[in-house]
């Protein structure tokens, strides 16, 4: 990526400061020029966040959700920091192993896996697999005989900004039945997992899901299953403009709720992704066009050179509300519909809830999108409409 230094950075000094965002990333972007949208990552900030979460999670092993951001430098730093890893695919397993992670520190957490990938993982030394269906257990039993499995529970009452309960998990009765199936197939049903939903901003929002999961846990133990693994999944939030607790405080509160319901558990896993890497990155992009569809429109359209298909997929349903820094911050603002550059009518980021942007914003203005370290580069498509995938830089 061609990059030149820009001496005129006065606009950055007047921009509002988000204390949760790494200042180093925004300062780097403000003095640099980019020829395409670029995600800039502060790897030191990832390590800092890891240790902050670990301080609150205590005995729980952090299994970083690699899908959040598979940048090699992130995985490499987390390996060195002692992290474990939650892998969704063979590619992620290969990435982690190639950067020094031990196979016993990797869980194959996707409940929908190719047979060949199960066999690969087993041959590589992976011993812990997720499942939520009988056929998945049959696949694991045949291609990873004797493996440990945990059954994912369907969470139906989530208060998260982005609930994740439709595609993955099963009900309590089915979970206990599947434990029996797993045992009959020669597998070791060692525990259960769940996901409270992405961006669960308040630790108190964990209470209802934990209540439901603890009832299933107790029923399974009463049925003779010696469960010793509780995987509390992800849901750890990042700052997108609404207040959230500091990471250590948040994690400590979550663990307090866990222990209140489960007591002493042999093994506890947590799978932060967004909460680990989102605040470590920001995207440098630029305005392509500002316009109105009619002269009397109250809302302008602002088009950026990055959109849903080049890194901002999480604006789908406007679930994740990114923050923007512009050279005109502090000036008068008006409501804007924000859209991406592609020739696809679905490439609109915020329309139901327009964003307030400076009236003086014009084509060519640099924009910083804050706290974009999670689910941007990993969602970026390869060449849709001929636009290149999101560039990634580490500082």
Protein backbone atom coordinates (compact mmCIF):
# COMPACT_ATOMS: atom_id res chain seq x y z
CA UNK A 1 0.00 0.00 0.00
CA UNK A 2 1.40 3.38 -0.97
CA UNK A 3 1.45 5.74 1.98
CA UNK A 4 2.68 9.31 2.34
CA UNK A 5 2.90 11.56 5.36
CA UNK A 6 0.52 14.50 5.63
CA UNK A 7 1.76 17.54 7.52
CA UNK A 8 -1.67 19.14 7.91
CA UNK A 9 -3.25 17.36 10.89
CA UNK A 10 -4.96 20.26 12.69
CA UNK A 11 -8.40 18.76 12.08
CA UNK A 12 -7.51 15.71 14.15
CA UNK A 13 -6.67 17.74 17.21
CA UNK A 14 -10.19 19.17 17.41
CA UNK A 15 -11.94 15.83 16.91
CA UNK A 16 -13.82 14.43 19.91
CA UNK A 17 -11.73 11.87 21.76
CA UNK A 18 -13.10 8.40 22.55
CA UNK A 19 -11.16 7.22 25.58
CA UNK A 20 -11.88 3.58 24.70
CA UNK A 21 -10.21 3.85 21.31
CA UNK A 22 -6.44 3.64 20.98
CA UNK A 23 -5.21 7.18 20.37
CA UNK A 24 -2.13 5.77 18.62
CA UNK A 25 -4.19 4.33 15.74
CA UNK A 26 -6.14 7.54 15.13
CA UNK A 27 -3.01 9.65 15.33
CA UNK A 28 -1.28 7.38 12.81
CA UNK A 29 -4.22 7.65 10.42
CA UNK A 30 -4.41 11.43 10.80
CA UNK A 31 -0.81 11.91 9.61
CA UNK A 32 -0.94 9.31 6.82
CA UNK A 33 -2.48 9.06 3.36
CA UNK A 34 -4.03 5.89 2.00
CA UNK A 35 -4.89 4.94 -1.55
CA UNK A 36 -7.75 2.66 -0.46
CA UNK A 37 -9.78 1.94 2.70
CA UNK A 38 -7.38 0.59 5.33
CA UNK A 39 -7.83 -1.02 8.71
CA UNK A 40 -5.03 0.06 11.05
CA UNK A 41 -4.46 -2.21 14.06
CA UNK A 42 -2.56 -1.56 17.27
CA UNK A 43 -1.28 -5.00 18.29
CA UNK A 44 -0.15 -3.71 21.70
CA UNK A 45 -3.75 -2.67 22.37
CA UNK A 46 -4.90 -6.24 21.66
CA UNK A 47 -2.46 -7.58 24.24
CA UNK A 48 -3.54 -4.97 26.78
CA UNK A 49 -7.19 -5.91 26.30
CA UNK A 50 -6.37 -9.62 26.60
CA UNK A 51 -4.74 -9.11 29.99
CA UNK A 52 -7.57 -6.83 31.14
CA UNK A 53 -10.17 -9.47 30.31
CA UNK A 54 -8.04 -12.24 31.79
CA UNK A 55 -7.75 -10.32 35.05
CA UNK A 56 -11.54 -10.39 35.38
CA UNK A 57 -12.15 -13.89 34.03
CA UNK A 58 -9.75 -15.46 36.51
CA UNK A 59 -9.59 -19.22 36.09
CA UNK A 60 -11.58 -19.16 32.84
CA UNK A 61 -9.43 -19.92 29.81
CA UNK A 62 -9.73 -17.34 27.04
CA UNK A 63 -10.30 -19.01 23.67
CA UNK A 64 -9.98 -16.08 21.28
CA UNK A 65 -12.65 -16.29 18.55
CA UNK A 66 -10.30 -16.17 15.57
CA UNK A 67 -13.13 -15.29 13.16
CA UNK A 68 -13.30 -11.82 14.73
CA UNK A 69 -9.95 -10.93 13.18
CA UNK A 70 -7.51 -13.56 11.85
CA UNK A 71 -4.66 -11.12 11.22
CA UNK A 72 -1.44 -13.07 11.76
CA UNK A 73 0.10 -10.48 14.04
CA UNK A 74 -2.92 -10.64 16.37
CA UNK A 75 -2.87 -14.43 16.61
CA UNK A 76 0.91 -14.47 17.05
CA UNK A 77 0.76 -11.92 19.90
CA UNK A 78 -2.07 -13.81 21.61
CA UNK A 79 -0.16 -17.10 21.37
CA UNK A 80 2.75 -15.38 23.11
CA UNK A 81 0.35 -13.97 25.74
CA UNK A 82 -0.96 -17.43 26.64
CA UNK A 83 -4.34 -17.31 24.91
CA UNK A 84 -6.22 -20.37 23.72
CA UNK A 85 -8.26 -20.26 20.50
CA UNK A 86 -11.77 -20.98 19.22
CA UNK A 87 -11.53 -22.03 15.57
CA UNK A 88 -14.42 -22.08 13.10
CA UNK A 89 -12.63 -23.78 10.20
CA UNK A 90 -9.63 -25.79 9.09
CA UNK A 91 -8.04 -22.58 7.86
CA UNK A 92 -8.20 -21.02 11.32
CA UNK A 93 -6.78 -24.19 12.90
CA UNK A 94 -3.89 -24.15 10.43
CA UNK A 95 -3.30 -20.46 11.13
CA UNK A 96 -3.12 -20.96 14.90
CA UNK A 97 -0.95 -24.07 14.71
CA UNK A 98 1.35 -22.39 12.21
CA UNK A 99 1.90 -19.49 14.64
CA UNK A 100 2.75 -21.72 17.58
CA UNK A 101 -0.55 -22.53 19.30
CA UNK A 102 -0.69 -25.98 20.86
CA UNK A 103 -3.45 -28.28 19.56
CA UNK A 104 -4.78 -28.86 23.08
CA UNK A 105 -5.35 -25.10 23.31
CA UNK A 106 -7.62 -25.02 20.23
CA UNK A 107 -11.32 -25.91 20.23
CA UNK A 108 -13.21 -26.59 17.00
CA UNK A 109 -16.20 -24.48 17.94
CA UNK A 110 -18.26 -24.48 14.75
CA UNK A 111 -21.22 -26.84 15.11
CA UNK A 112 -21.36 -27.34 11.31
CA UNK A 113 -18.13 -28.94 10.10
CA UNK A 114 -16.96 -30.73 6.98
CA UNK A 115 -16.02 -34.36 7.52
CA UNK A 116 -12.58 -33.78 6.01
CA UNK A 117 -11.98 -30.85 8.39
CA UNK A 118 -12.93 -32.96 11.42
CA UNK A 119 -10.47 -35.61 10.28
CA UNK A 120 -7.76 -32.98 9.73
CA UNK A 121 -8.32 -31.46 13.16
CA UNK A 122 -8.19 -34.87 14.83
CA UNK A 123 -4.96 -35.77 13.03
CA UNK A 124 -3.49 -32.41 14.09
CA UNK A 125 -4.19 -33.18 17.75
CA UNK A 126 -7.41 -31.22 18.31
CA UNK A 127 -9.45 -33.06 20.93
CA UNK A 128 -12.35 -30.70 21.71
CA UNK A 129 -15.31 -30.27 19.35
CA UNK A 130 -18.69 -28.51 19.47
CA UNK A 131 -21.97 -30.06 18.31
CA UNK A 132 -25.69 -29.37 18.42
CA UNK A 133 -27.10 -32.20 16.28
CA UNK A 134 -27.01 -35.99 16.19
CA UNK A 135 -25.54 -36.17 12.68
CA UNK A 136 -22.68 -33.89 13.73
CA UNK A 137 -21.89 -36.24 16.61
CA UNK A 138 -21.87 -39.17 14.20
CA UNK A 139 -19.37 -37.34 12.00
CA UNK A 140 -17.14 -36.55 14.95
CA UNK A 141 -17.31 -40.11 16.28
CA UNK A 142 -16.27 -41.55 12.92
CA UNK A 143 -13.49 -39.09 12.12
CA UNK A 144 -12.30 -38.03 15.60
CA UNK A 145 -12.98 -41.15 17.68
CA UNK A 146 -12.90 -40.67 21.42
CA UNK A 147 -12.96 -36.87 21.19
CA UNK A 148 -14.40 -34.61 23.87
CA UNK A 149 -17.56 -32.80 22.82
CA UNK A 150 -19.62 -30.00 24.28
CA UNK A 151 -23.24 -29.43 23.27
CA UNK A 152 -24.29 -25.91 22.34
CA UNK A 153 -27.48 -24.65 23.96
CA UNK A 154 -30.01 -22.45 22.16
CA UNK A 155 -30.42 -19.12 23.97
CA UNK A 156 -33.93 -17.79 23.30
CA UNK A 157 -33.97 -14.77 25.63
CA UNK A 158 -31.05 -12.56 24.66
CA UNK A 159 -30.81 -8.84 25.40
CA UNK A 160 -27.72 -8.42 23.22
CA UNK A 161 -27.60 -5.85 20.44
CA UNK A 162 -27.20 -8.76 18.02
CA UNK A 163 -28.79 -12.05 19.23
CA UNK A 164 -27.23 -15.18 17.69
CA UNK A 165 -29.67 -17.91 18.64
CA UNK A 166 -31.44 -18.92 15.45
CA UNK A 167 -28.72 -20.79 13.58
CA UNK A 168 -26.82 -22.55 16.36
CA UNK A 169 -27.72 -24.54 19.46
CA UNK A 170 -30.45 -26.88 20.61
CA UNK A 171 -33.06 -26.98 23.36
CA UNK A 172 -32.48 -28.44 26.81
CA UNK A 173 -34.22 -31.79 26.26
CA UNK A 174 -32.36 -32.28 22.97
CA UNK A 175 -29.06 -31.35 24.58
CA UNK A 176 -29.39 -34.05 27.22
CA UNK A 177 -30.45 -36.59 24.60
CA UNK A 178 -27.41 -35.68 22.50
CA UNK A 179 -25.12 -36.27 25.46
CA UNK A 180 -26.45 -39.81 25.57
CA UNK A 181 -25.93 -40.20 21.84
CA UNK A 182 -22.37 -38.93 22.19
CA UNK A 183 -21.62 -41.40 24.98
CA UNK A 184 -23.08 -44.28 22.99
CA UNK A 185 -20.86 -43.32 20.03
CA UNK A 186 -17.73 -43.52 22.17
CA UNK A 187 -17.31 -39.77 22.55
CA UNK A 188 -16.85 -37.95 25.85
CA UNK A 189 -19.71 -35.48 26.47
CA UNK A 190 -17.84 -33.17 28.83
CA UNK A 191 -19.88 -29.99 28.85
CA UNK A 192 -22.14 -27.42 27.32
CA UNK A 193 -21.70 -24.07 25.60
CA UNK A 194 -23.90 -21.10 24.82
CA UNK A 195 -23.68 -17.57 23.43
CA UNK A 196 -25.51 -14.68 25.06
CA UNK A 197 -25.39 -12.72 21.79
CA UNK A 198 -22.95 -10.30 20.28
CA UNK A 199 -22.44 -6.93 22.00
CA UNK A 200 -24.06 -7.76 25.34
CA UNK A 201 -23.34 -4.37 26.88
CA UNK A 202 -24.33 -4.99 30.51
CA UNK A 203 -23.15 -7.98 32.60
CA UNK A 204 -26.64 -8.15 34.13
CA UNK A 205 -27.89 -9.20 30.68
CA UNK A 206 -26.17 -12.55 31.26
CA UNK A 207 -28.46 -13.49 34.15
CA UNK A 208 -31.44 -14.87 32.25
CA UNK A 209 -29.34 -16.99 29.83
CA UNK A 210 -27.22 -18.26 32.73
CA UNK A 211 -30.36 -19.23 34.64
CA UNK A 212 -31.59 -21.27 31.67
CA UNK A 213 -28.22 -22.94 31.05
CA UNK A 214 -27.70 -23.77 34.72
CA UNK A 215 -31.01 -25.65 34.80
CA UNK A 216 -29.88 -27.75 31.84
CA UNK A 217 -26.49 -28.30 33.47
CA UNK A 218 -28.11 -29.56 36.68
CA UNK A 219 -30.48 -31.85 34.76
CA UNK A 220 -27.58 -33.33 32.83
CA UNK A 221 -25.57 -33.93 35.97
CA UNK A 222 -28.58 -35.56 37.61
CA UNK A 223 -28.93 -37.80 34.54
CA UNK A 224 -25.43 -39.14 35.14
CA UNK A 225 -23.33 -37.00 32.82
CA UNK A 226 -20.12 -35.95 34.59
CA UNK A 227 -19.91 -32.52 33.03
CA UNK A 228 -16.81 -30.52 33.90
CA UNK A 229 -16.62 -27.97 31.04
CA UNK A 230 -18.71 -24.81 30.83
CA UNK A 231 -18.12 -22.71 27.72
CA UNK A 232 -19.70 -19.29 28.29
CA UNK A 233 -18.96 -18.21 24.71
CA UNK A 234 -18.58 -14.60 23.60
CA UNK A 235 -20.72 -11.50 23.93
CA UNK A 236 -18.04 -9.32 25.53
CA UNK A 237 -18.75 -5.83 24.21
CA UNK A 238 -16.77 -3.10 22.51
CA UNK A 239 -17.38 0.63 22.72
CA UNK A 240 -19.54 1.95 19.87
CA UNK A 241 -20.78 5.12 21.55
CA UNK A 242 -22.87 3.67 24.39
CA UNK A 243 -21.28 3.30 27.80
CA UNK A 244 -19.93 -0.13 28.74
CA UNK A 245 -17.99 -1.20 31.84
CA UNK A 246 -14.21 -1.45 31.72
CA UNK A 247 -13.14 -4.92 30.52
CA UNK A 248 -11.84 -6.21 33.87
CA UNK A 249 -14.94 -4.94 35.67
CA UNK A 250 -17.22 -6.47 33.05
CA UNK A 251 -15.48 -9.87 33.10
CA UNK A 252 -15.40 -9.95 36.89
CA UNK A 253 -19.15 -9.35 37.03
CA UNK A 254 -19.85 -12.06 34.46
CA UNK A 255 -17.79 -14.56 36.45
CA UNK A 256 -19.64 -13.58 39.62
CA UNK A 257 -22.92 -14.44 37.90
CA UNK A 258 -21.45 -17.71 36.61
CA UNK A 259 -20.21 -18.84 40.03
CA UNK A 260 -23.49 -17.88 41.68
CA UNK A 261 -25.28 -20.39 39.46
CA UNK A 262 -22.72 -23.11 38.79
CA UNK A 263 -20.47 -23.09 41.85
CA UNK A 264 -17.15 -24.78 41.27
CA UNK A 265 -16.71 -25.98 37.69
CA UNK A 266 -13.74 -28.00 36.56
CA UNK A 267 -13.09 -26.01 33.38
CA UNK A 268 -14.53 -22.71 32.21
CA UNK A 269 -13.96 -21.34 28.71
CA UNK A 270 -14.73 -17.87 27.36
CA UNK A 271 -14.61 -16.95 23.68
CA UNK A 272 -14.20 -13.17 23.36
CA UNK A 273 -13.71 -11.91 19.83
CA UNK A 274 -15.19 -8.43 19.42
CA UNK A 275 -14.41 -7.54 23.03
CA UNK A 276 -10.76 -8.40 22.48
CA UNK A 277 -9.92 -6.74 19.18
CA UNK A 278 -12.58 -4.20 18.14
CA UNK A 279 -11.12 -1.23 20.01
CA UNK A 280 -7.61 -1.98 18.74
CA UNK A 281 -8.40 -0.88 15.20
CA UNK A 282 -9.80 1.98 13.13
CA UNK A 283 -10.51 2.30 9.42
CA UNK A 284 -9.19 5.11 7.26
CA UNK A 285 -11.58 5.89 4.41
CA UNK A 286 -12.86 8.90 2.47
CA UNK A 287 -16.03 10.55 1.28
CA UNK A 288 -16.86 9.90 -2.39
CA UNK A 289 -20.03 11.98 -2.70
CA UNK A 290 -22.62 13.95 -0.75
CA UNK A 291 -26.02 14.53 -2.34
CA UNK A 292 -29.75 15.00 -1.96
CA UNK A 293 -32.32 13.11 -4.01
CA UNK A 294 -34.69 16.09 -3.97
CA UNK A 295 -34.10 19.75 -3.29
CA UNK A 296 -36.36 19.77 -0.24
CA UNK A 297 -34.96 16.55 1.31
CA UNK A 298 -34.12 16.92 4.99
CA UNK A 299 -31.66 14.03 4.92
CA UNK A 300 -28.49 13.97 2.79
CA UNK A 301 -26.80 10.92 1.34
CA UNK A 302 -23.10 10.49 2.13
CA UNK A 303 -21.22 7.83 0.17
CA UNK A 304 -17.95 6.40 1.49
CA UNK A 305 -15.35 4.36 -0.38
CA UNK A 306 -16.06 1.44 1.98
CA UNK A 307 -19.37 -0.35 2.40
CA UNK A 308 -21.12 -3.56 3.41
CA UNK A 309 -19.14 -5.69 0.97
CA UNK A 310 -15.71 -4.30 1.74
CA UNK A 311 -15.60 -4.57 5.51
CA UNK A 312 -18.72 -3.05 7.11
CA UNK A 313 -20.99 -6.10 6.94
CA UNK A 314 -21.97 -5.63 10.57
CA UNK A 315 -24.03 -2.60 9.64
CA UNK A 316 -26.56 -5.18 8.43
CA UNK A 317 -29.84 -4.37 10.18
CA UNK A 318 -27.89 -1.42 11.63
CA UNK A 319 -26.92 -3.66 14.55
CA UNK A 320 -23.45 -2.22 15.05
CA UNK A 321 -23.34 1.58 15.15
CA UNK A 322 -19.84 2.75 14.28
CA UNK A 323 -18.52 6.19 15.23
CA UNK A 324 -16.96 8.57 12.73
CA UNK A 325 -14.28 11.25 12.95
CA UNK A 326 -14.11 13.87 10.19
CA UNK A 327 -12.06 17.04 9.53
CA UNK A 328 -15.24 19.09 10.11
CA UNK A 329 -16.07 17.83 13.60
CA UNK A 330 -17.31 20.66 15.79
CA UNK A 331 -19.20 22.31 12.92
CA UNK A 332 -22.98 22.19 12.40
CA UNK A 333 -24.36 18.74 11.59
CA UNK A 334 -27.38 17.29 9.84
CA UNK A 335 -28.94 13.85 9.41
CA UNK A 336 -27.31 11.65 6.77
CA UNK A 337 -27.99 8.31 5.16
CA UNK A 338 -24.62 6.61 4.94
CA UNK A 339 -23.88 4.30 2.02
CA UNK A 340 -21.02 2.37 0.44
CA UNK A 341 -19.53 2.68 -3.05
CA UNK A 342 -20.78 -0.44 -4.83
CA UNK A 343 -23.48 -0.66 -7.51
CA UNK A 344 -25.74 -2.63 -5.18
CA UNK A 345 -28.82 -1.07 -3.65
CA UNK A 346 -28.30 -3.13 -0.47
CA UNK A 347 -24.99 -1.35 0.16
CA UNK A 348 -26.54 1.15 2.58
CA UNK A 349 -25.05 1.32 6.06
CA UNK A 350 -27.42 3.51 8.07
CA UNK A 351 -30.84 4.60 6.83
CA UNK A 352 -33.42 3.60 9.43
CA UNK A 353 -31.45 5.63 11.97
CA UNK A 354 -29.53 8.29 10.02
CA UNK A 355 -26.21 9.50 11.42
CA UNK A 356 -25.40 13.09 12.27
CA UNK A 357 -22.45 14.30 10.18
CA UNK A 358 -21.03 17.78 9.57
CA UNK A 359 -22.81 19.86 6.94
CA UNK A 360 -19.43 20.84 5.51
CA UNK A 361 -18.46 17.28 4.63
CA UNK A 362 -17.37 17.00 0.98
CA UNK A 363 -15.94 14.49 -1.46
CA UNK A 364 -12.30 13.77 -0.70
CA UNK A 365 -12.58 14.35 3.05
CA UNK A 366 -10.83 11.72 5.14
CA UNK A 367 -13.01 9.83 7.61
CA UNK A 368 -11.87 7.64 10.51
CA UNK A 369 -14.24 4.88 11.56
CA UNK A 370 -13.53 4.04 15.16
CA UNK A 371 -13.26 0.65 16.89
CA UNK A 372 -13.29 -1.46 13.74
CA UNK A 373 -10.84 -4.16 14.78
CA UNK A 374 -13.50 -6.90 14.80
CA UNK A 375 -15.43 -8.39 11.90
CA UNK A 376 -14.23 -5.98 9.24
CA UNK A 377 -11.19 -7.46 7.47
CA UNK A 378 -12.60 -10.96 8.03
CA UNK A 379 -15.91 -9.98 6.39
CA UNK A 380 -14.30 -8.07 3.53
CA UNK A 381 -15.15 -9.62 0.15
CA UNK A 382 -12.64 -10.37 -2.56
CA UNK A 383 -13.23 -7.88 -5.34
CA UNK A 384 -17.01 -7.34 -5.34
CA UNK A 385 -17.71 -4.76 -8.08
CA UNK A 386 -13.96 -4.70 -8.66
CA UNK A 387 -13.26 -2.91 -5.38
CA UNK A 388 -10.19 -4.38 -3.61
CA UNK A 389 -10.59 -6.05 -0.21
CA UNK A 390 -9.90 -4.05 2.90
CA UNK A 391 -6.20 -3.32 3.38
CA UNK A 392 -4.79 -4.17 6.83
CA UNK A 393 -1.83 -2.49 8.55
CA UNK A 394 -0.37 -3.20 11.98
CA UNK A 395 1.48 -0.65 14.07
